[in-house]
Amino acid sequence: PIVFTGAIDELFDCKLGQLPYRSLDFKFEHYDQEFYQS
């Protein structure tokens, strides 16, 4: 058995078309205080 959990379109170089997704950009920030928000 081969269990594939990745992006199936990318496995085949999107030859039938690329499946659309939303992505995210993350910005990490550090603060010299105990808490930033509630």
PDB file of all heavy atoms in Angstrom:
ATOM      1  N   PRO A   1       0.826  -1.218   0.000  1.00  0.00           N
ATOM      2  CA  PRO A   1       0.000   0.000   0.000  1.00  0.00           C
ATOM      3  C   PRO A   1       0.856   1.263   0.000  1.00  0.00           C
ATOM      4  O   PRO A   1       1.853   1.356   0.714  1.00  0.00           O
ATOM      5  CB  PRO A   1      -0.809  -0.119   1.297  1.00  0.00           C
ATOM      6  CG  PRO A   1      -0.069  -1.086   2.152  1.00  0.00           C
ATOM      7  CD  PRO A   1       0.655  -2.008   1.232  1.00  0.00           C
ATOM      8  N   ILE A   2       0.450   2.228  -0.834  1.00  0.00           N
ATOM      9  CA  ILE A   2       1.078   3.548  -0.880  1.00  0.00           C
ATOM     10  C   ILE A   2       0.011   4.562  -0.480  1.00  0.00           C
ATOM     11  O   ILE A   2      -1.018   4.677  -1.154  1.00  0.00           O
ATOM     12  CB  ILE A   2       1.614   3.873  -2.284  1.00  0.00           C
ATOM     13  CG1 ILE A   2       2.649   2.833  -2.725  1.00  0.00           C
ATOM     14  CG2 ILE A   2       2.207   5.273  -2.320  1.00  0.00           C
ATOM     15  CD1 ILE A   2       3.093   2.983  -4.170  1.00  0.00           C
ATOM     16  N   VAL A   3       0.244   5.259   0.619  1.00  0.00           N
ATOM     17  CA  VAL A   3      -0.717   6.249   1.101  1.00  0.00           C
ATOM     18  C   VAL A   3      -0.127   7.633   0.859  1.00  0.00           C
ATOM     19  O   VAL A   3       0.901   7.992   1.435  1.00  0.00           O
ATOM     20  CB  VAL A   3      -1.031   6.045   2.597  1.00  0.00           C
ATOM     21  CG1 VAL A   3      -2.060   7.072   3.066  1.00  0.00           C
ATOM     22  CG2 VAL A   3      -1.544   4.631   2.846  1.00  0.00           C
ATOM     23  N   PHE A   4      -0.785   8.382   0.002  1.00  0.00           N
ATOM     24  CA  PHE A   4      -0.293   9.700  -0.402  1.00  0.00           C
ATOM     25  C   PHE A   4      -1.132  10.781   0.267  1.00  0.00           C
ATOM     26  O   PHE A   4      -2.360  10.808   0.115  1.00  0.00           O
ATOM     27  CB  PHE A   4      -0.362   9.847  -1.919  1.00  0.00           C
ATOM     28  CG  PHE A   4       0.152  11.171  -2.429  1.00  0.00           C
ATOM     29  CD1 PHE A   4       1.516  11.400  -2.530  1.00  0.00           C
ATOM     30  CD2 PHE A   4      -0.722  12.183  -2.792  1.00  0.00           C
ATOM     31  CE1 PHE A   4       2.002  12.630  -2.984  1.00  0.00           C
ATOM     32  CE2 PHE A   4      -0.251  13.398  -3.260  1.00  0.00           C
ATOM     33  CZ  PHE A   4       1.118  13.619  -3.350  1.00  0.00           C
ATOM     34  N   THR A   5      -0.488  11.683   1.024  1.00  0.00           N
ATOM     35  CA  THR A   5      -1.223  12.724   1.737  1.00  0.00           C
ATOM     36  C   THR A   5      -0.894  14.130   1.236  1.00  0.00           C
ATOM     37  O   THR A   5      -1.344  15.112   1.819  1.00  0.00           O
ATOM     38  CB  THR A   5      -0.922  12.657   3.256  1.00  0.00           C
ATOM     39  OG1 THR A   5       0.430  13.082   3.487  1.00  0.00           O
ATOM     40  CG2 THR A   5      -1.116  11.257   3.802  1.00  0.00           C
ATOM     41  N   GLY A   6      -0.141  14.225   0.154  1.00  0.00           N
ATOM     42  CA  GLY A   6       0.259  15.533  -0.359  1.00  0.00           C
ATOM     43  C   GLY A   6      -0.708  16.081  -1.392  1.00  0.00           C
ATOM     44  O   GLY A   6      -1.823  15.583  -1.572  1.00  0.00           O
ATOM     45  N   ALA A   7      -0.261  17.130  -2.086  1.00  0.00           N
ATOM     46  CA  ALA A   7      -1.084  17.770  -3.123  1.00  0.00           C
ATOM     47  C   ALA A   7      -1.062  16.902  -4.374  1.00  0.00           C
ATOM     48  O   ALA A   7      -0.018  16.769  -5.027  1.00  0.00           O
ATOM     49  CB  ALA A   7      -0.555  19.166  -3.419  1.00  0.00           C
ATOM     50  N   ILE A   8      -2.204  16.329  -4.727  1.00  0.00           N
ATOM     51  CA  ILE A   8      -2.269  15.362  -5.815  1.00  0.00           C
ATOM     52  C   ILE A   8      -1.981  16.013  -7.163  1.00  0.00           C
ATOM     53  O   ILE A   8      -1.368  15.410  -8.054  1.00  0.00           O
ATOM     54  CB  ILE A   8      -3.637  14.638  -5.833  1.00  0.00           C
ATOM     55  CG1 ILE A   8      -3.678  13.549  -6.894  1.00  0.00           C
ATOM     56  CG2 ILE A   8      -4.779  15.611  -6.006  1.00  0.00           C
ATOM     57  CD1 ILE A   8      -2.659  12.442  -6.703  1.00  0.00           C
ATOM     58  N   ASP A   9      -2.368  17.286  -7.351  1.00  0.00           N
ATOM     59  CA  ASP A   9      -2.096  17.942  -8.628  1.00  0.00           C
ATOM     60  C   ASP A   9      -0.598  18.165  -8.819  1.00  0.00           C
ATOM     61  O   ASP A   9      -0.062  17.988  -9.914  1.00  0.00           O
ATOM     62  CB  ASP A   9      -2.866  19.260  -8.741  1.00  0.00           C
ATOM     63  CG  ASP A   9      -2.549  20.240  -7.623  1.00  0.00           C
ATOM     64  OD1 ASP A   9      -2.161  19.791  -6.521  1.00  0.00           O
ATOM     65  OD2 ASP A   9      -2.704  21.460  -7.831  1.00  0.00           O
ATOM     66  N   GLU A  10       0.104  18.508  -7.734  1.00  0.00           N
ATOM     67  CA  GLU A  10       1.538  18.773  -7.837  1.00  0.00           C
ATOM     68  C   GLU A  10       2.341  17.492  -8.066  1.00  0.00           C
ATOM     69  O   GLU A  10       3.428  17.532  -8.647  1.00  0.00           O
ATOM     70  CB  GLU A  10       2.019  19.504  -6.587  1.00  0.00           C
ATOM     71  CG  GLU A  10       1.452  20.924  -6.499  1.00  0.00           C
ATOM     72  CD  GLU A  10       1.802  21.634  -5.199  1.00  0.00           C
ATOM     73  OE1 GLU A  10       2.728  21.162  -4.501  1.00  0.00           O
ATOM     74  OE2 GLU A  10       1.146  22.638  -4.884  1.00  0.00           O
ATOM     75  N   LEU A  11       1.798  16.363  -7.616  1.00  0.00           N
ATOM     76  CA  LEU A  11       2.472  15.090  -7.863  1.00  0.00           C
ATOM     77  C   LEU A  11       2.600  14.837  -9.363  1.00  0.00           C
ATOM     78  O   LEU A  11       3.560  14.226  -9.823  1.00  0.00           O
ATOM     79  CB  LEU A  11       1.698  13.953  -7.193  1.00  0.00           C
ATOM     80  CG  LEU A  11       2.278  12.542  -7.351  1.00  0.00           C
ATOM     81  CD1 LEU A  11       3.664  12.433  -6.698  1.00  0.00           C
ATOM     82  CD2 LEU A  11       1.335  11.502  -6.746  1.00  0.00           C
ATOM     83  N   PHE A  12       1.623  15.328 -10.114  1.00  0.00           N
ATOM     84  CA  PHE A  12       1.625  15.148 -11.568  1.00  0.00           C
ATOM     85  C   PHE A  12       1.914  16.457 -12.303  1.00  0.00           C
ATOM     86  O   PHE A  12       1.456  16.664 -13.437  1.00  0.00           O
ATOM     87  CB  PHE A  12       0.285  14.557 -12.027  1.00  0.00           C
ATOM     88  CG  PHE A  12       0.051  13.157 -11.528  1.00  0.00           C
ATOM     89  CD1 PHE A  12      -0.763  12.922 -10.431  1.00  0.00           C
ATOM     90  CD2 PHE A  12       0.676  12.076 -12.129  1.00  0.00           C
ATOM     91  CE1 PHE A  12      -0.969  11.637  -9.960  1.00  0.00           C
ATOM     92  CE2 PHE A  12       0.480  10.779 -11.667  1.00  0.00           C
ATOM     93  CZ  PHE A  12      -0.338  10.557 -10.568  1.00  0.00           C
ATOM     94  N   ASP A  13       2.662  17.337 -11.635  1.00  0.00           N
ATOM     95  CA  ASP A  13       3.090  18.609 -12.234  1.00  0.00           C
ATOM     96  C   ASP A  13       1.921  19.422 -12.776  1.00  0.00           C
ATOM     97  O   ASP A  13       2.056  20.139 -13.785  1.00  0.00           O
ATOM     98  CB  ASP A  13       4.124  18.356 -13.339  1.00  0.00           C
ATOM     99  CG  ASP A  13       5.398  17.736 -12.806  1.00  0.00           C
ATOM    100  OD1 ASP A  13       5.855  18.174 -11.737  1.00  0.00           O
ATOM    101  OD2 ASP A  13       5.918  16.786 -13.446  1.00  0.00           O
ATOM    102  N   CYS A  14       0.769  19.287 -12.116  1.00  0.00           N
ATOM    103  CA  CYS A  14      -0.434  20.067 -12.470  1.00  0.00           C
ATOM    104  C   CYS A  14      -0.810  19.912 -13.940  1.00  0.00           C
ATOM    105  O   CYS A  14      -1.300  20.861 -14.573  1.00  0.00           O
ATOM    106  CB  CYS A  14      -0.236  21.547 -12.123  1.00  0.00           C
ATOM    107  SG  CYS A  14       0.093  21.861 -10.371  1.00  0.00           S
ATOM    108  N   LYS A  15      -0.589  18.720 -14.492  1.00  0.00           N
ATOM    109  CA  LYS A  15      -0.800  18.545 -15.939  1.00  0.00           C
ATOM    110  C   LYS A  15      -2.275  18.643 -16.338  1.00  0.00           C
ATOM    111  O   LYS A  15      -2.575  18.898 -17.515  1.00  0.00           O
ATOM    112  CB  LYS A  15      -0.208  17.213 -16.400  1.00  0.00           C
ATOM    113  CG  LYS A  15      -0.915  15.962 -15.924  1.00  0.00           C
ATOM    114  CD  LYS A  15      -0.233  14.739 -16.526  1.00  0.00           C
ATOM    115  CE  LYS A  15      -0.963  13.445 -16.220  1.00  0.00           C
ATOM    116  NZ  LYS A  15      -0.308  12.277 -16.851  1.00  0.00           N
ATOM    117  N   LEU A  16      -3.184  18.464 -15.389  1.00  0.00           N
ATOM    118  CA  LEU A  16      -4.613  18.637 -15.681  1.00  0.00           C
ATOM    119  C   LEU A  16      -5.120  20.003 -15.236  1.00  0.00           C
ATOM    120  O   LEU A  16      -6.288  20.330 -15.406  1.00  0.00           O
ATOM    121  CB  LEU A  16      -5.427  17.540 -14.984  1.00  0.00           C
ATOM    122  CG  LEU A  16      -5.062  16.090 -15.309  1.00  0.00           C
ATOM    123  CD1 LEU A  16      -5.924  15.131 -14.521  1.00  0.00           C
ATOM    124  CD2 LEU A  16      -5.208  15.827 -16.806  1.00  0.00           C
ATOM    125  N   GLY A  17      -4.222  20.795 -14.658  1.00  0.00           N
ATOM    126  CA  GLY A  17      -4.583  22.100 -14.106  1.00  0.00           C
ATOM    127  C   GLY A  17      -4.204  22.168 -12.634  1.00  0.00           C
ATOM    128  O   GLY A  17      -4.111  21.138 -11.965  1.00  0.00           O
ATOM    129  N   GLN A  18      -3.967  23.384 -12.139  1.00  0.00           N
ATOM    130  CA  GLN A  18      -3.577  23.565 -10.739  1.00  0.00           C
ATOM    131  C   GLN A  18      -4.806  23.763  -9.864  1.00  0.00           C
ATOM    132  O   GLN A  18      -5.673  24.583 -10.159  1.00  0.00           O
ATOM    133  CB  GLN A  18      -2.644  24.767 -10.586  1.00  0.00           C
ATOM    134  CG  GLN A  18      -2.124  24.951  -9.163  1.00  0.00           C
ATOM    135  CD  GLN A  18      -1.087  26.063  -9.044  1.00  0.00           C
ATOM    136  OE1 GLN A  18      -0.901  26.840  -9.962  1.00  0.00           O
ATOM    137  NE2 GLN A  18      -0.411  26.126  -7.914  1.00  0.00           N
ATOM    138  N   LEU A  19      -4.880  23.000  -8.778  1.00  0.00           N
ATOM    139  CA  LEU A  19      -5.978  23.151  -7.828  1.00  0.00           C
ATOM    140  C   LEU A  19      -5.773  24.436  -7.017  1.00  0.00           C
ATOM    141  O   LEU A  19      -4.711  24.642  -6.437  1.00  0.00           O
ATOM    142  CB  LEU A  19      -6.041  21.942  -6.888  1.00  0.00           C
ATOM    143  CG  LEU A  19      -6.565  20.653  -7.523  1.00  0.00           C
ATOM    144  CD1 LEU A  19      -6.278  19.453  -6.636  1.00  0.00           C
ATOM    145  CD2 LEU A  19      -8.062  20.768  -7.793  1.00  0.00           C
ATOM    146  N   PRO A  20      -6.783  25.301  -6.949  1.00  0.00           N
ATOM    147  CA  PRO A  20      -6.629  26.578  -6.243  1.00  0.00           C
ATOM    148  C   PRO A  20      -6.704  26.415  -4.723  1.00  0.00           C
ATOM    149  O   PRO A  20      -7.514  25.646  -4.201  1.00  0.00           O
ATOM    150  CB  PRO A  20      -7.821  27.408  -6.751  1.00  0.00           C
ATOM    151  CG  PRO A  20      -8.300  26.704  -7.983  1.00  0.00           C
ATOM    152  CD  PRO A  20      -8.026  25.259  -7.739  1.00  0.00           C
ATOM    153  N   TYR A  21      -5.846  27.151  -4.043  1.00  0.00           N
ATOM    154  CA  TYR A  21      -5.837  27.207  -2.581  1.00  0.00           C
ATOM    155  C   TYR A  21      -5.666  28.655  -2.151  1.00  0.00           C
ATOM    156  O   TYR A  21      -5.247  29.514  -2.920  1.00  0.00           O
ATOM    157  CB  TYR A  21      -4.657  26.415  -2.002  1.00  0.00           C
ATOM    158  CG  TYR A  21      -4.725  24.924  -2.152  1.00  0.00           C
ATOM    159  CD1 TYR A  21      -4.206  24.296  -3.283  1.00  0.00           C
ATOM    160  CD2 TYR A  21      -5.274  24.131  -1.150  1.00  0.00           C
ATOM    161  CE1 TYR A  21      -4.241  22.918  -3.413  1.00  0.00           C
ATOM    162  CE2 TYR A  21      -5.309  22.750  -1.271  1.00  0.00           C
ATOM    163  CZ  TYR A  21      -4.788  22.146  -2.403  1.00  0.00           C
ATOM    164  OH  TYR A  21      -4.826  20.782  -2.531  1.00  0.00           O
ATOM    165  N   ARG A  22      -5.946  28.889  -0.866  1.00  0.00           N
ATOM    166  CA  ARG A  22      -5.516  30.113  -0.216  1.00  0.00           C
ATOM    167  C   ARG A  22      -4.294  29.794   0.628  1.00  0.00           C
ATOM    168  O   ARG A  22      -4.217  28.743   1.262  1.00  0.00           O
ATOM    169  CB  ARG A  22      -6.620  30.684   0.673  1.00  0.00           C
ATOM    170  CG  ARG A  22      -7.811  31.188  -0.113  1.00  0.00           C
ATOM    171  CD  ARG A  22      -7.489  32.393  -0.963  1.00  0.00           C
ATOM    172  NE  ARG A  22      -7.360  33.617  -0.154  1.00  0.00           N
ATOM    173  CZ  ARG A  22      -6.870  34.752  -0.610  1.00  0.00           C
ATOM    174  NH1 ARG A  22      -6.419  34.835  -1.854  1.00  0.00           N
ATOM    175  NH2 ARG A  22      -6.804  35.816   0.175  1.00  0.00           N
ATOM    176  N   SER A  23      -3.341  30.698   0.616  1.00  0.00           N
ATOM    177  CA  SER A  23      -2.154  30.537   1.424  1.00  0.00           C
ATOM    178  C   SER A  23      -2.110  31.640   2.479  1.00  0.00           C
ATOM    179  O   SER A  23      -3.018  32.479   2.563  1.00  0.00           O
ATOM    180  CB  SER A  23      -0.901  30.587   0.550  1.00  0.00           C
ATOM    181  OG  SER A  23       0.238  30.243   1.304  1.00  0.00           O
ATOM    182  N   LEU A  24      -1.074  31.636   3.293  1.00  0.00           N
ATOM    183  CA  LEU A  24      -0.921  32.620   4.355  1.00  0.00           C
ATOM    184  C   LEU A  24       0.531  33.062   4.448  1.00  0.00           C
ATOM    185  O   LEU A  24       1.441  32.258   4.249  1.00  0.00           O
ATOM    186  CB  LEU A  24      -1.330  32.028   5.718  1.00  0.00           C
ATOM    187  CG  LEU A  24      -2.794  31.614   5.909  1.00  0.00           C
ATOM    188  CD1 LEU A  24      -2.924  30.730   7.149  1.00  0.00           C
ATOM    189  CD2 LEU A  24      -3.691  32.830   6.034  1.00  0.00           C
ATOM    190  N   ASP A  25       0.727  34.337   4.734  1.00  0.00           N
ATOM    191  CA  ASP A  25       2.028  34.843   5.150  1.00  0.00           C
ATOM    192  C   ASP A  25       1.961  35.074   6.656  1.00  0.00           C
ATOM    193  O   ASP A  25       0.992  35.649   7.161  1.00  0.00           O
ATOM    194  CB  ASP A  25       2.359  36.166   4.457  1.00  0.00           C
ATOM    195  CG  ASP A  25       3.030  35.962   3.113  1.00  0.00           C
ATOM    196  OD1 ASP A  25       3.431  34.818   2.830  1.00  0.00           O
ATOM    197  OD2 ASP A  25       3.140  36.936   2.351  1.00  0.00           O
ATOM    198  N   PHE A  26       2.992  34.626   7.362  1.00  0.00           N
ATOM    199  CA  PHE A  26       3.031  34.785   8.810  1.00  0.00           C
ATOM    200  C   PHE A  26       4.120  35.781   9.197  1.00  0.00           C
ATOM    201  O   PHE A  26       5.242  35.704   8.700  1.00  0.00           O
ATOM    202  CB  PHE A  26       3.302  33.450   9.505  1.00  0.00           C
ATOM    203  CG  PHE A  26       2.207  32.436   9.319  1.00  0.00           C
ATOM    204  CD1 PHE A  26       2.458  31.239   8.662  1.00  0.00           C
ATOM    205  CD2 PHE A  26       0.931  32.661   9.815  1.00  0.00           C
ATOM    206  CE1 PHE A  26       1.459  30.302   8.500  1.00  0.00           C
ATOM    207  CE2 PHE A  26      -0.066  31.729   9.656  1.00  0.00           C
ATOM    208  CZ  PHE A  26       0.190  30.547   9.000  1.00  0.00           C
ATOM    209  N   LYS A  27       3.784  36.674  10.097  1.00  0.00           N
ATOM    210  CA  LYS A  27       4.770  37.604  10.641  1.00  0.00           C
ATOM    211  C   LYS A  27       4.852  37.381  12.156  1.00  0.00           C
ATOM    212  O   LYS A  27       3.880  37.639  12.878  1.00  0.00           O
ATOM    213  CB  LYS A  27       4.397  39.058  10.337  1.00  0.00           C
ATOM    214  CG  LYS A  27       5.442  40.058  10.833  1.00  0.00           C
ATOM    215  CD  LYS A  27       5.033  41.493  10.544  1.00  0.00           C
ATOM    216  CE  LYS A  27       6.096  42.478  11.055  1.00  0.00           C
ATOM    217  NZ  LYS A  27       5.668  43.885  10.876  1.00  0.00           N
ATOM    218  N   PHE A  28       5.987  36.872  12.606  1.00  0.00           N
ATOM    219  CA  PHE A  28       6.208  36.647  14.036  1.00  0.00           C
ATOM    220  C   PHE A  28       6.801  37.905  14.660  1.00  0.00           C
ATOM    221  O   PHE A  28       7.686  38.542  14.085  1.00  0.00           O
ATOM    222  CB  PHE A  28       7.169  35.471  14.250  1.00  0.00           C
ATOM    223  CG  PHE A  28       6.589  34.125  13.883  1.00  0.00           C
ATOM    224  CD1 PHE A  28       6.679  33.641  12.591  1.00  0.00           C
ATOM    225  CD2 PHE A  28       5.953  33.347  14.835  1.00  0.00           C
ATOM    226  CE1 PHE A  28       6.147  32.411  12.243  1.00  0.00           C
ATOM    227  CE2 PHE A  28       5.414  32.117  14.500  1.00  0.00           C
ATOM    228  CZ  PHE A  28       5.511  31.640  13.207  1.00  0.00           C
ATOM    229  N   GLU A  29       6.314  38.259  15.847  1.00  0.00           N
ATOM    230  CA  GLU A  29       6.838  39.408  16.575  1.00  0.00           C
ATOM    231  C   GLU A  29       7.035  39.018  18.032  1.00  0.00           C
ATOM    232  O   GLU A  29       6.213  38.288  18.598  1.00  0.00           O
ATOM    233  CB  GLU A  29       5.883  40.609  16.476  1.00  0.00           C
ATOM    234  CG  GLU A  29       5.678  41.113  15.057  1.00  0.00           C
ATOM    235  CD  GLU A  29       4.659  42.251  14.975  1.00  0.00           C
ATOM    236  OE1 GLU A  29       4.109  42.630  16.029  1.00  0.00           O
ATOM    237  OE2 GLU A  29       4.407  42.738  13.854  1.00  0.00           O
ATOM    238  N   HIS A  30       8.114  39.488  18.624  1.00  0.00           N
ATOM    239  CA  HIS A  30       8.405  39.181  20.029  1.00  0.00           C
ATOM    240  C   HIS A  30       8.396  40.465  20.849  1.00  0.00           C
ATOM    241  O   HIS A  30       8.850  41.520  20.378  1.00  0.00           O
ATOM    242  CB  HIS A  30       9.774  38.500  20.163  1.00  0.00           C
ATOM    243  CG  HIS A  30      10.056  38.009  21.548  1.00  0.00           C
ATOM    244  ND1 HIS A  30       9.484  36.866  22.060  1.00  0.00           N
ATOM    245  CD2 HIS A  30      10.822  38.533  22.537  1.00  0.00           C
ATOM    246  CE1 HIS A  30       9.894  36.695  23.291  1.00  0.00           C
ATOM    247  NE2 HIS A  30      10.704  37.685  23.607  1.00  0.00           N
ATOM    248  N   TYR A  31       7.843  40.365  22.068  1.00  0.00           N
ATOM    249  CA  TYR A  31       7.724  41.544  22.919  1.00  0.00           C
ATOM    250  C   TYR A  31       8.262  41.237  24.316  1.00  0.00           C
ATOM    251  O   TYR A  31       8.022  40.157  24.859  1.00  0.00           O
ATOM    252  CB  TYR A  31       6.256  41.984  23.013  1.00  0.00           C
ATOM    253  CG  TYR A  31       5.740  42.537  21.706  1.00  0.00           C
ATOM    254  CD1 TYR A  31       5.154  41.693  20.754  1.00  0.00           C
ATOM    255  CD2 TYR A  31       5.855  43.893  21.407  1.00  0.00           C
ATOM    256  CE1 TYR A  31       4.694  42.192  19.555  1.00  0.00           C
ATOM    257  CE2 TYR A  31       5.394  44.396  20.204  1.00  0.00           C
ATOM    258  CZ  TYR A  31       4.815  43.549  19.274  1.00  0.00           C
ATOM    259  OH  TYR A  31       4.375  44.050  18.092  1.00  0.00           O
ATOM    260  N   ASP A  32       8.957  42.219  24.881  1.00  0.00           N
ATOM    261  CA  ASP A  32       9.506  42.087  26.236  1.00  0.00           C
ATOM    262  C   ASP A  32       8.438  42.475  27.255  1.00  0.00           C
ATOM    263  O   ASP A  32       8.592  43.439  28.027  1.00  0.00           O
ATOM    264  CB  ASP A  32      10.754  42.960  26.391  1.00  0.00           C
ATOM    265  CG  ASP A  32      11.942  42.391  25.631  1.00  0.00           C
ATOM    266  OD1 ASP A  32      12.064  41.156  25.561  1.00  0.00           O
ATOM    267  OD2 ASP A  32      12.735  43.185  25.097  1.00  0.00           O
ATOM    268  N   GLN A  33       7.341  41.756  27.230  1.00  0.00           N
ATOM    269  CA  GLN A  33       6.259  41.924  28.194  1.00  0.00           C
ATOM    270  C   GLN A  33       5.586  40.576  28.368  1.00  0.00           C
ATOM    271  O   GLN A  33       5.708  39.697  27.510  1.00  0.00           O
ATOM    272  CB  GLN A  33       5.256  42.977  27.703  1.00  0.00           C
ATOM    273  CG  GLN A  33       4.606  42.634  26.367  1.00  0.00           C
ATOM    274  CD  GLN A  33       3.947  43.830  25.709  1.00  0.00           C
ATOM    275  OE1 GLN A  33       4.613  44.821  25.399  1.00  0.00           O
ATOM    276  NE2 GLN A  33       2.628  43.749  25.499  1.00  0.00           N
ATOM    277  N   GLU A  34       4.868  40.407  29.478  1.00  0.00           N
ATOM    278  CA  GLU A  34       4.335  39.075  29.779  1.00  0.00           C
ATOM    279  C   GLU A  34       3.255  38.657  28.777  1.00  0.00           C
ATOM    280  O   GLU A  34       3.260  37.526  28.303  1.00  0.00           O
ATOM    281  CB  GLU A  34       3.783  39.033  31.204  1.00  0.00           C
ATOM    282  CG  GLU A  34       3.426  37.617  31.645  1.00  0.00           C
ATOM    283  CD  GLU A  34       3.019  37.539  33.101  1.00  0.00           C
ATOM    284  OE1 GLU A  34       2.906  38.594  33.753  1.00  0.00           O
ATOM    285  OE2 GLU A  34       2.814  36.417  33.590  1.00  0.00           O
ATOM    286  N   PHE A  35       2.339  39.569  28.460  1.00  0.00           N
ATOM    287  CA  PHE A  35       1.290  39.272  27.492  1.00  0.00           C
ATOM    288  C   PHE A  35       1.085  40.461  26.559  1.00  0.00           C
ATOM    289  O   PHE A  35       1.305  41.615  26.940  1.00  0.00           O
ATOM    290  CB  PHE A  35      -0.027  38.916  28.187  1.00  0.00           C
ATOM    291  CG  PHE A  35      -0.011  37.551  28.830  1.00  0.00           C
ATOM    292  CD1 PHE A  35       0.170  37.423  30.201  1.00  0.00           C
ATOM    293  CD2 PHE A  35      -0.151  36.402  28.066  1.00  0.00           C
ATOM    294  CE1 PHE A  35       0.202  36.175  30.796  1.00  0.00           C
ATOM    295  CE2 PHE A  35      -0.121  35.150  28.658  1.00  0.00           C
ATOM    296  CZ  PHE A  35       0.060  35.032  30.024  1.00  0.00           C
ATOM    297  N   TYR A  36       0.643  40.159  25.353  1.00  0.00           N
ATOM    298  CA  TYR A  36       0.427  41.190  24.336  1.00  0.00           C
ATOM    299  C   TYR A  36      -1.051  41.549  24.221  1.00  0.00           C
ATOM    300  O   TYR A  36      -1.401  42.691  23.955  1.00  0.00           O
ATOM    301  CB  TYR A  36       0.949  40.691  22.989  1.00  0.00           C
ATOM    302  CG  TYR A  36       0.752  41.633  21.829  1.00  0.00           C
ATOM    303  CD1 TYR A  36       1.671  42.644  21.571  1.00  0.00           C
ATOM    304  CD2 TYR A  36      -0.359  41.522  20.988  1.00  0.00           C
ATOM    305  CE1 TYR A  36       1.499  43.524  20.511  1.00  0.00           C
ATOM    306  CE2 TYR A  36      -0.542  42.386  19.922  1.00  0.00           C
ATOM    307  CZ  TYR A  36       0.386  43.381  19.684  1.00  0.00           C
ATOM    308  OH  TYR A  36       0.213  44.248  18.633  1.00  0.00           O
ATOM    309  N   GLN A  37      -1.934  40.542  24.375  1.00  0.00           N
ATOM    310  CA  GLN A  37      -3.368  40.757  24.175  1.00  0.00           C
ATOM    311  C   GLN A  37      -4.158  39.968  25.223  1.00  0.00           C
ATOM    312  O   GLN A  37      -3.579  39.248  26.036  1.00  0.00           O
ATOM    313  CB  GLN A  37      -3.790  40.370  22.751  1.00  0.00           C
ATOM    314  CG  GLN A  37      -3.480  38.925  22.384  1.00  0.00           C
ATOM    315  CD  GLN A  37      -3.638  38.641  20.896  1.00  0.00           C
ATOM    316  OE1 GLN A  37      -3.528  39.529  20.047  1.00  0.00           O
ATOM    317  NE2 GLN A  37      -3.915  37.379  20.563  1.00  0.00           N
ATOM    318  N   SER A  38      -5.489  40.097  25.192  1.00  0.00           N
ATOM    319  CA  SER A  38      -6.324  39.561  26.278  1.00  0.00           C
ATOM    320  C   SER A  38      -6.674  38.093  26.113  1.00  0.00           C
ATOM    321  O   SER A  38      -7.035  37.418  27.086  1.00  0.00           O
ATOM    322  CB  SER A  38      -7.617  40.376  26.377  1.00  0.00           C
ATOM    323  OG  SER A  38      -8.363  40.261  25.162  1.00  0.00           O
TER     324      SER A  38
END
